[in-house]
Protein backbone atom coordinates (compact mmCIF):
# COMPACT_ATOMS: atom_id res chain seq x y z
CA UNK A 1 17.51 204.62 -47.28
CA UNK A 2 16.42 203.61 -50.80
CA UNK A 3 15.63 199.97 -51.31
CA UNK A 4 18.17 197.91 -53.20
CA UNK A 5 17.15 196.48 -56.57
CA UNK A 6 18.90 193.92 -58.70
CA UNK A 7 17.68 193.11 -62.17
CA UNK A 8 19.06 189.67 -62.95
CA UNK A 9 19.55 188.10 -59.55
CA UNK A 10 17.92 184.69 -58.97
CA UNK A 11 15.79 183.80 -55.96
CA UNK A 12 18.53 181.59 -54.49
CA UNK A 13 20.97 184.47 -54.39
CA UNK A 14 18.41 186.67 -52.66
CA UNK A 15 17.83 183.93 -50.05
CA UNK A 16 21.58 183.63 -49.48
CA UNK A 17 21.93 187.40 -49.15
CA UNK A 18 19.13 187.66 -46.57
CA UNK A 19 20.54 184.76 -44.57
CA UNK A 20 24.02 186.29 -44.61
CA UNK A 21 22.71 189.64 -43.33
CA UNK A 22 20.85 187.98 -40.48
CA UNK A 23 23.82 185.75 -39.67
CA UNK A 24 25.85 188.89 -39.02
CA UNK A 25 23.26 189.74 -36.32
CA UNK A 26 22.84 186.19 -35.00
CA UNK A 27 23.32 187.10 -31.33
CA UNK A 28 20.75 189.91 -31.43
CA UNK A 29 18.29 187.87 -33.48
CA UNK A 30 18.63 184.95 -31.07
CA UNK A 31 18.11 187.22 -28.08
CA UNK A 32 14.87 188.56 -29.56
CA UNK A 33 13.57 185.03 -30.13
CA UNK A 34 14.64 183.86 -26.64
CA UNK A 35 12.88 186.81 -24.98
CA UNK A 36 9.72 186.10 -26.99
CA UNK A 37 9.74 182.43 -25.96
CA UNK A 38 10.17 183.28 -22.26
CA UNK A 39 7.31 185.75 -22.49
CA UNK A 40 4.91 183.42 -24.32
CA UNK A 41 5.74 180.09 -22.63
CA UNK A 42 5.76 180.33 -18.80
CA UNK A 43 7.13 176.78 -18.42
CA UNK A 44 10.44 177.93 -19.91
CA UNK A 45 11.08 180.47 -17.14
CA UNK A 46 13.29 178.16 -15.14
CA UNK A 47 16.41 178.80 -13.08
CA UNK A 48 19.14 180.98 -14.48
CA UNK A 49 21.26 178.11 -15.81
CA UNK A 50 18.31 176.65 -17.71
CA UNK A 51 17.40 180.07 -19.14
CA UNK A 52 21.03 180.54 -20.21
CA UNK A 53 20.91 177.15 -21.92
CA UNK A 54 17.70 178.22 -23.68
CA UNK A 55 19.62 181.17 -25.13
CA UNK A 56 22.40 178.87 -26.32
CA UNK A 57 19.86 176.50 -27.86
CA UNK A 58 18.10 179.31 -29.72
CA UNK A 59 21.37 180.75 -31.01
CA UNK A 60 22.55 177.31 -32.12
CA UNK A 61 19.35 176.71 -34.06
CA UNK A 62 19.29 180.18 -35.61
CA UNK A 63 22.92 179.94 -36.70
CA UNK A 64 22.35 176.46 -38.17
CA UNK A 65 19.23 177.35 -40.13
CA UNK A 66 20.74 180.56 -41.50
CA UNK A 67 23.76 178.62 -42.74
CA UNK A 68 21.40 176.12 -44.38
CA UNK A 69 19.58 178.94 -46.17
CA UNK A 70 22.79 180.69 -47.15
CA UNK A 71 24.59 177.65 -48.53
CA UNK A 72 21.66 175.54 -49.74
CA UNK A 73 22.29 172.72 -47.26
CA UNK A 74 19.64 170.01 -47.34
CA UNK A 75 17.69 169.93 -44.08
CA UNK A 76 17.80 166.14 -43.80
CA UNK A 77 21.61 166.33 -43.56
CA UNK A 78 21.48 168.56 -40.48
CA UNK A 79 21.69 167.34 -36.89
CA UNK A 80 20.33 169.35 -34.00
CA UNK A 81 22.85 171.70 -32.31
CA UNK A 82 24.47 170.31 -29.16
CA UNK A 83 22.97 173.08 -27.00
CA UNK A 84 19.49 172.29 -28.32
CA UNK A 85 19.83 168.62 -27.37
CA UNK A 86 21.21 169.48 -23.93
CA UNK A 87 18.35 171.95 -23.38
CA UNK A 88 15.83 169.21 -24.19
CA UNK A 89 17.53 166.96 -21.62
CA UNK A 90 17.42 169.72 -19.00
CA UNK A 91 13.69 170.28 -19.54
CA UNK A 92 13.11 166.54 -19.17
CA UNK A 93 15.04 166.51 -15.88
CA UNK A 94 12.98 169.43 -14.56
CA UNK A 95 9.66 167.88 -15.52
CA UNK A 96 8.73 170.59 -18.06
CA UNK A 97 6.03 169.18 -20.39
CA UNK A 98 7.25 168.15 -23.82
CA UNK A 99 4.53 170.24 -25.47
CA UNK A 100 6.29 173.35 -24.09
CA UNK A 101 9.43 172.31 -25.97
CA UNK A 102 7.50 171.68 -29.21
CA UNK A 103 5.65 174.99 -28.86
CA UNK A 104 8.98 176.78 -28.41
CA UNK A 105 10.11 175.55 -31.81
CA UNK A 106 6.85 176.62 -33.48
CA UNK A 107 6.90 180.09 -31.93
CA UNK A 108 10.61 180.39 -32.67
CA UNK A 109 9.88 179.58 -36.31
CA UNK A 110 7.24 182.30 -36.44
CA UNK A 111 9.49 184.95 -34.90
CA UNK A 112 12.41 184.08 -37.17
CA UNK A 113 10.10 184.18 -40.19
CA UNK A 114 9.03 187.70 -39.21
CA UNK A 115 12.66 188.81 -38.98
CA UNK A 116 13.54 187.18 -42.31
CA UNK A 117 10.62 188.88 -44.03
CA UNK A 118 11.63 192.25 -42.55
CA UNK A 119 14.95 191.83 -44.37
CA UNK A 120 13.11 190.72 -47.50
CA UNK A 121 11.04 193.92 -47.55
CA UNK A 122 14.23 195.99 -47.66
CA UNK A 123 15.09 194.54 -51.08
CA UNK A 124 13.28 195.66 -54.22
CA UNK A 125 12.76 192.78 -56.64
CA UNK A 126 10.40 191.53 -59.28
CA UNK A 127 7.07 190.21 -57.88
CA UNK A 128 7.62 186.74 -59.32
CA UNK A 129 11.09 186.59 -57.81
CA UNK A 130 9.74 187.76 -54.45
CA UNK A 131 7.18 184.97 -54.44
CA UNK A 132 9.90 182.42 -55.23
CA UNK A 133 12.09 183.75 -52.41
CA UNK A 134 9.20 183.60 -49.94
CA UNK A 135 8.34 180.05 -50.96
CA UNK A 136 11.95 178.88 -50.65
CA UNK A 137 12.50 180.45 -47.23
CA UNK A 138 9.16 179.24 -45.89
CA UNK A 139 9.77 175.69 -47.12
CA UNK A 140 13.24 175.51 -45.56
CA UNK A 141 12.11 176.97 -42.22
CA UNK A 142 9.20 174.55 -41.98
CA UNK A 143 11.32 171.56 -42.96
CA UNK A 144 14.06 172.51 -40.49
CA UNK A 145 11.68 172.95 -37.54
CA UNK A 146 9.87 169.71 -38.37
CA UNK A 147 13.14 167.76 -38.67
CA UNK A 148 14.93 169.23 -35.63
CA UNK A 149 11.89 169.09 -33.35
CA UNK A 150 11.69 165.35 -34.02
CA UNK A 151 15.30 165.00 -32.88
CA UNK A 152 14.94 167.07 -29.68
CA UNK A 153 11.67 165.37 -28.70
CA UNK A 154 13.32 161.96 -29.07
CA UNK A 155 16.18 163.12 -26.83
CA UNK A 156 13.69 164.59 -24.34
CA UNK A 157 11.71 161.36 -24.08
CA UNK A 158 14.85 159.24 -23.71
CA UNK A 159 16.23 161.52 -21.00
CA UNK A 160 12.92 161.72 -19.16
CA UNK A 161 12.66 157.95 -19.02
CA UNK A 162 16.28 157.59 -17.89
CA UNK A 163 15.93 160.33 -15.29
CA UNK A 164 12.79 158.83 -13.76
CA UNK A 165 14.41 155.40 -13.62
CA UNK A 166 17.74 156.47 -12.12
CA UNK A 167 16.82 158.98 -9.42
CA UNK A 168 15.09 158.31 -6.14
CA UNK A 169 11.85 159.05 -7.94
CA UNK A 170 9.27 158.48 -5.22
CA UNK A 171 10.98 160.75 -2.70
CA UNK A 172 11.78 163.47 -5.24
CA UNK A 173 8.27 163.42 -6.68
CA UNK A 174 6.73 163.67 -3.22
CA UNK A 175 8.98 166.62 -2.44
CA UNK A 176 7.72 168.35 -5.57
CA UNK A 177 4.14 167.58 -4.53
CA UNK A 178 4.75 169.23 -1.16
CA UNK A 179 6.23 172.25 -2.93
CA UNK A 180 3.20 172.66 -5.22
CA UNK A 181 1.25 175.67 -3.98
CA UNK A 182 -2.16 174.33 -4.98
CA UNK A 183 -1.71 170.91 -3.34
CA UNK A 184 -3.22 170.09 0.05
CA UNK A 185 -0.69 168.16 2.11
CA UNK A 186 -1.30 165.52 4.75
CA UNK A 187 1.70 166.45 6.88
CA UNK A 188 2.12 163.07 8.54
CA UNK A 189 1.85 161.11 5.29
CA UNK A 190 4.21 163.48 3.48
CA UNK A 191 6.70 163.35 6.36
CA UNK A 192 6.76 159.57 6.12
CA UNK A 193 7.08 159.60 2.32
CA UNK A 194 10.00 162.03 2.14
CA UNK A 195 11.51 160.96 5.48
CA UNK A 196 11.82 164.53 6.72
CA UNK A 197 10.09 166.33 9.67
CA UNK A 198 7.80 168.84 7.96
CA UNK A 199 6.39 170.25 11.21
CA UNK A 200 9.75 171.73 12.23
CA UNK A 201 11.60 174.91 11.27
CA UNK A 202 13.40 174.74 7.93
CA UNK A 203 16.22 176.46 6.08
CA UNK A 204 16.17 175.63 2.39
CA UNK A 205 19.17 175.75 0.07
CA UNK A 206 19.97 175.21 -3.59
CA UNK A 207 23.42 173.76 -4.23
CA UNK A 208 25.17 173.52 -7.59
CA UNK A 209 28.50 173.35 -9.35
CA UNK A 210 28.44 176.05 -12.08
CA UNK A 211 31.15 174.52 -14.27
CA UNK A 212 30.17 170.91 -13.75
CA UNK A 213 30.93 168.18 -16.24
CA UNK A 214 27.64 166.48 -17.12
CA UNK A 215 29.39 163.10 -16.84
CA UNK A 216 30.81 163.70 -13.35
CA UNK A 217 29.22 162.45 -10.15
CA UNK A 218 28.16 165.86 -8.88
CA UNK A 219 25.08 164.66 -6.99
CA UNK A 220 27.22 162.37 -4.84
CA UNK A 221 29.59 165.27 -4.11
CA UNK A 222 26.68 167.50 -3.13
CA UNK A 223 25.21 164.86 -0.84
CA UNK A 224 28.54 164.39 0.94
CA UNK A 225 28.85 168.12 1.42
CA UNK A 226 25.32 168.34 2.86
CA UNK A 227 25.99 165.54 5.35
CA UNK A 228 29.12 167.28 6.60
CA UNK A 229 27.39 170.67 6.67
CA UNK A 230 24.53 169.26 8.74
CA UNK A 231 26.99 168.09 11.37
CA UNK A 232 28.50 171.57 11.60
CA UNK A 233 25.32 173.67 11.87
CA UNK A 234 23.51 171.74 14.63
CA UNK A 235 20.45 170.49 12.78
CA UNK A 236 17.75 168.65 14.72
CA UNK A 237 17.48 165.70 12.30
CA UNK A 238 18.89 164.43 9.03
CA UNK A 239 18.70 167.01 6.22
CA UNK A 240 16.57 166.43 3.14
CA UNK A 241 18.32 166.26 -0.23
CA UNK A 242 16.43 166.07 -3.54
CA UNK A 243 18.14 166.09 -6.92
CA UNK A 244 17.00 168.99 -9.10
CA UNK A 245 19.00 167.74 -12.10
CA UNK A 246 22.33 166.00 -12.65
CA UNK A 247 24.44 168.87 -11.29
CA UNK A 248 22.29 170.58 -8.64
CA UNK A 249 20.21 169.70 -5.61
CA UNK A 250 17.57 171.07 -3.28
CA UNK A 251 18.27 170.85 0.45
CA UNK A 252 16.35 171.51 3.67
CA UNK A 253 17.93 171.72 7.12
CA UNK A 254 15.51 170.98 10.02
CA UNK A 255 15.60 172.80 13.40
CA UNK A 256 13.48 172.46 16.53
CA UNK A 257 13.23 176.27 16.86
CA UNK A 258 13.94 179.33 14.74
CA UNK A 259 17.70 179.19 14.06
CA UNK A 260 19.83 182.26 14.73
CA UNK A 261 21.32 183.61 11.47
CA UNK A 262 21.73 180.23 9.70
CA UNK A 263 23.22 181.90 6.60
CA UNK A 264 26.23 183.06 8.61
CA UNK A 265 26.86 179.55 9.93
CA UNK A 266 26.53 178.02 6.47
CA UNK A 267 28.93 180.63 5.09
CA UNK A 268 31.51 179.90 7.79
CA UNK A 269 31.41 176.18 7.04
CA UNK A 270 31.57 176.65 3.26
CA UNK A 271 34.58 178.96 3.66
CA UNK A 272 36.53 176.06 5.18
CA UNK A 273 35.88 173.82 2.20
CA UNK A 274 37.77 174.55 -1.03
CA UNK A 275 35.48 172.09 -2.85
CA UNK A 276 32.27 173.71 -1.60
CA UNK A 277 29.54 174.14 -4.21
CA UNK A 278 27.73 177.38 -4.87
CA UNK A 279 24.93 177.82 -2.34
CA UNK A 280 21.74 179.89 -2.32
CA UNK A 281 19.94 180.06 1.02
CA UNK A 282 16.32 180.86 1.87
CA UNK A 283 15.12 182.46 5.10
CA UNK A 284 14.04 180.18 7.92
CA UNK A 285 10.38 179.11 7.95
CA UNK A 286 8.16 176.75 9.92
CA UNK A 287 5.81 173.99 8.82
CA UNK A 288 4.75 173.21 5.26
CA UNK A 289 4.39 176.87 4.28
CA UNK A 290 7.83 177.64 5.69
CA UNK A 291 9.23 174.63 3.81
CA UNK A 292 7.80 176.02 0.57
CA UNK A 293 8.61 179.68 1.16
CA UNK A 294 12.22 179.07 2.17
CA UNK A 295 12.69 176.99 -1.00
CA UNK A 296 11.19 179.73 -3.21
CA UNK A 297 13.54 182.24 -1.64
CA UNK A 298 16.54 179.98 -2.18
CA UNK A 299 15.54 179.58 -5.84
CA UNK A 300 15.24 183.36 -6.20
CA UNK A 301 18.65 183.84 -4.60
CA UNK A 302 20.18 181.34 -7.00
CA UNK A 303 18.64 183.11 -9.99
CA UNK A 304 20.08 186.44 -8.87
CA UNK A 305 23.51 184.89 -8.24
CA UNK A 306 23.61 183.15 -11.61
CA UNK A 307 22.48 186.19 -13.58
CA UNK A 308 24.86 188.53 -11.81
CA UNK A 309 27.87 186.23 -12.06
CA UNK A 310 28.57 187.13 -8.44
CA UNK A 311 31.99 186.19 -7.11
CA UNK A 312 30.50 185.10 -3.79
CA UNK A 313 29.87 181.35 -3.72
CA UNK A 314 27.19 181.74 -1.03
CA UNK A 315 24.21 184.09 -1.29
CA UNK A 316 21.16 184.33 0.93
CA UNK A 317 17.66 185.72 0.60
CA UNK A 318 18.38 187.66 3.79
CA UNK A 319 21.29 189.55 2.16
CA UNK A 320 20.34 193.26 1.89
CA UNK A 321 18.44 193.97 -1.32
CA UNK A 322 18.64 190.48 -2.79
CA UNK A 323 14.94 189.67 -2.49
CA UNK A 324 13.97 193.00 -4.05
CA UNK A 325 16.44 192.37 -6.88
CA UNK A 326 14.94 188.91 -7.41
CA UNK A 327 11.42 190.32 -7.72
CA UNK A 328 12.63 192.83 -10.29
CA UNK A 329 14.55 190.25 -12.31
CA UNK A 330 11.64 188.69 -14.23
CA UNK A 331 12.13 191.04 -17.18
CA UNK A 332 15.87 191.84 -17.52
CA UNK A 333 15.47 194.06 -20.57
CA UNK A 334 12.85 196.24 -18.89
CA UNK A 335 14.92 196.43 -15.70
CA UNK A 336 18.00 197.49 -17.68
CA UNK A 337 16.01 200.30 -19.35
CA UNK A 338 14.59 201.40 -15.99
CA UNK A 339 18.02 201.45 -14.33
CA UNK A 340 19.36 203.58 -17.18
CA UNK A 341 16.43 206.01 -16.78
CA UNK A 342 16.94 206.30 -13.02
CA UNK A 343 20.73 206.46 -12.83
CA UNK A 344 21.57 208.07 -16.16
CA UNK A 345 25.31 207.96 -17.01
CA UNK A 346 25.97 206.52 -13.53
CA UNK A 347 24.62 203.21 -14.92
CA UNK A 348 27.58 202.91 -17.31
CA UNK A 349 29.63 199.71 -17.09
CA UNK A 350 32.98 201.17 -16.03
CA UNK A 351 35.18 200.57 -13.00
CA UNK A 352 34.94 204.22 -11.92
CA UNK A 353 31.14 204.26 -12.10
CA UNK A 354 31.04 200.98 -10.20
CA UNK A 355 32.99 202.58 -7.34
CA UNK A 356 30.67 205.60 -7.34
CA UNK A 357 27.55 203.38 -7.35
CA UNK A 358 28.86 201.26 -4.49
CA UNK A 359 29.73 204.30 -2.39
CA UNK A 360 26.36 205.95 -3.02
CA UNK A 361 24.50 202.72 -2.22
CA UNK A 362 26.25 202.30 1.14
CA UNK A 363 25.85 206.02 1.90
CA UNK A 364 22.09 205.88 1.36
CA UNK A 365 21.71 202.59 3.24
CA UNK A 366 23.51 204.01 6.29
CA UNK A 367 21.08 206.92 6.58
CA UNK A 368 23.07 209.35 4.43
CA UNK A 369 25.88 209.28 6.97
CA UNK A 370 29.32 209.98 5.55
CA UNK A 371 30.91 208.72 8.75
CA UNK A 372 29.01 205.40 8.82
CA UNK A 373 29.63 204.85 5.10
CA UNK A 374 33.34 205.59 5.54
CA UNK A 375 33.58 203.01 8.32
CA UNK A 376 31.83 200.32 6.27
CA UNK A 377 33.80 201.04 3.10
CA UNK A 378 37.09 201.55 4.97
CA UNK A 379 37.53 204.97 3.34
CA UNK A 380 38.31 208.44 4.63
CA UNK A 381 35.29 210.64 5.39
CA UNK A 382 36.33 213.12 2.68
CA UNK A 383 36.72 210.32 0.11
CA UNK A 384 33.14 209.22 0.71
CA UNK A 385 31.90 212.79 0.48
CA UNK A 386 33.75 213.31 -2.81
CA UNK A 387 32.48 210.06 -4.33
CA UNK A 388 28.88 210.75 -3.35
CA UNK A 389 29.11 214.20 -4.92
CA UNK A 390 30.62 212.70 -8.09
CA UNK A 391 27.91 210.01 -8.22
CA UNK A 392 25.14 212.61 -8.03
CA UNK A 393 26.91 214.68 -10.67
CA UNK A 394 27.26 211.65 -12.97
CA UNK A 395 23.57 210.91 -12.56
CA UNK A 396 22.81 214.46 -13.69
CA UNK A 397 20.15 215.40 -11.12
CA UNK A 398 19.70 215.39 -7.34
CA UNK A 399 18.35 212.33 -5.55
CA UNK A 400 16.01 213.98 -3.07
CA UNK A 401 12.86 213.63 -5.18
CA UNK A 402 13.25 209.97 -6.16
CA UNK A 403 15.60 208.59 -3.53
CA UNK A 404 13.72 205.29 -3.26
CA UNK A 405 14.06 204.66 -7.01
CA UNK A 406 17.77 205.44 -6.79
CA UNK A 407 18.29 203.04 -3.87
CA UNK A 408 16.44 200.23 -5.67
CA UNK A 409 18.33 200.85 -8.92
CA UNK A 410 21.64 200.73 -7.04
CA UNK A 411 20.63 197.45 -5.39
CA UNK A 412 19.74 196.00 -8.79
CA UNK A 413 23.18 197.05 -10.09
CA UNK A 414 24.79 195.50 -7.02
CA UNK A 415 23.15 192.12 -7.65
CA UNK A 416 22.83 191.92 -11.44
CA UNK A 417 25.99 193.73 -12.49
CA UNK A 418 26.79 193.93 -16.18
CA UNK A 419 23.44 192.53 -17.29
CA UNK A 420 21.64 195.76 -16.24
CA UNK A 421 24.40 198.26 -17.04
CA UNK A 422 24.92 200.44 -20.09
CA UNK A 423 27.89 199.41 -22.21
């Protein structure tokens, strides 16, 4: 396509035009910046809710700055987007260093500048005008990042101070110390500090209310639920509860021996409670390493549940395929591309393809048995056979040569849903 050229257009109009074009793509532009920040700043790779809030923060900032460029709004009249302020508070609650937040704004500025200049190169203009446009855009971007980063850092520091003052800080901090992989733990001292028997068997959980009001007393609700749950699942001592932030908590249930299918018992109890929170459960483990590993698994299960938007309120690391899906979920864009390569048109986000994928997944998991799959899916034998044949046909090639890839791709679709499907 030939570059556009305008003879008598001023630099301000060019700036407005570029900002308007990017504003039409604000969701895609924001997604590119968010992905770059997650890749470059490991501290920002938190749980799924925090990562989702990062995306909202980025999009809020991008939309605001593009409107400022388009309409000539003075930077000093702008206040930070609500999502950006809430994201700063969340990082403070999770103990993410403030320099990670500041670095995110600097790297975000760089990536947005690159995207703005890509649009600028598509317009043919006089050299002197181009220089003026570059200077104006660069000045506004720098001023915006400098001004907004001051606001979010102030909110971060205020929230961090408030959070440390209001929570049971000694116990929660000691729990985090025990969880740190590179920290040697004196088991007896740590047991006394956190008031929990670390030498026993443990089942870790993450509990949260997904649609919680930040002003509601969700931590108190979670603690009440945990106390009642502990009485129903025969724990050997009082459970350990540590606030993760204002709307979610980390929990450990202690047992004297390896518990038999604790996830099933937790599910049964939660099913009786209409006010039950969402729950992610780790596998049982023993001692300090089991305490840590079960917690990591619960965190992974929560991430999968949040990203998939699963209808089930309770998920467990022991659920078939969940752990594998969690390990593959670090790079959603790459996983989505891989799933599309493996499944072809079968990876399309339609109700009919979803039925075919589910049938094929159960068929392969049951040893390629039409009868066993029919029993599990409550379908007629011939219906399973027809759906499996249709699934293979939709994929476009047989599954014998790369069956393992197909099974893993189907598990990823099962757990991540729309986020890894082709629209």
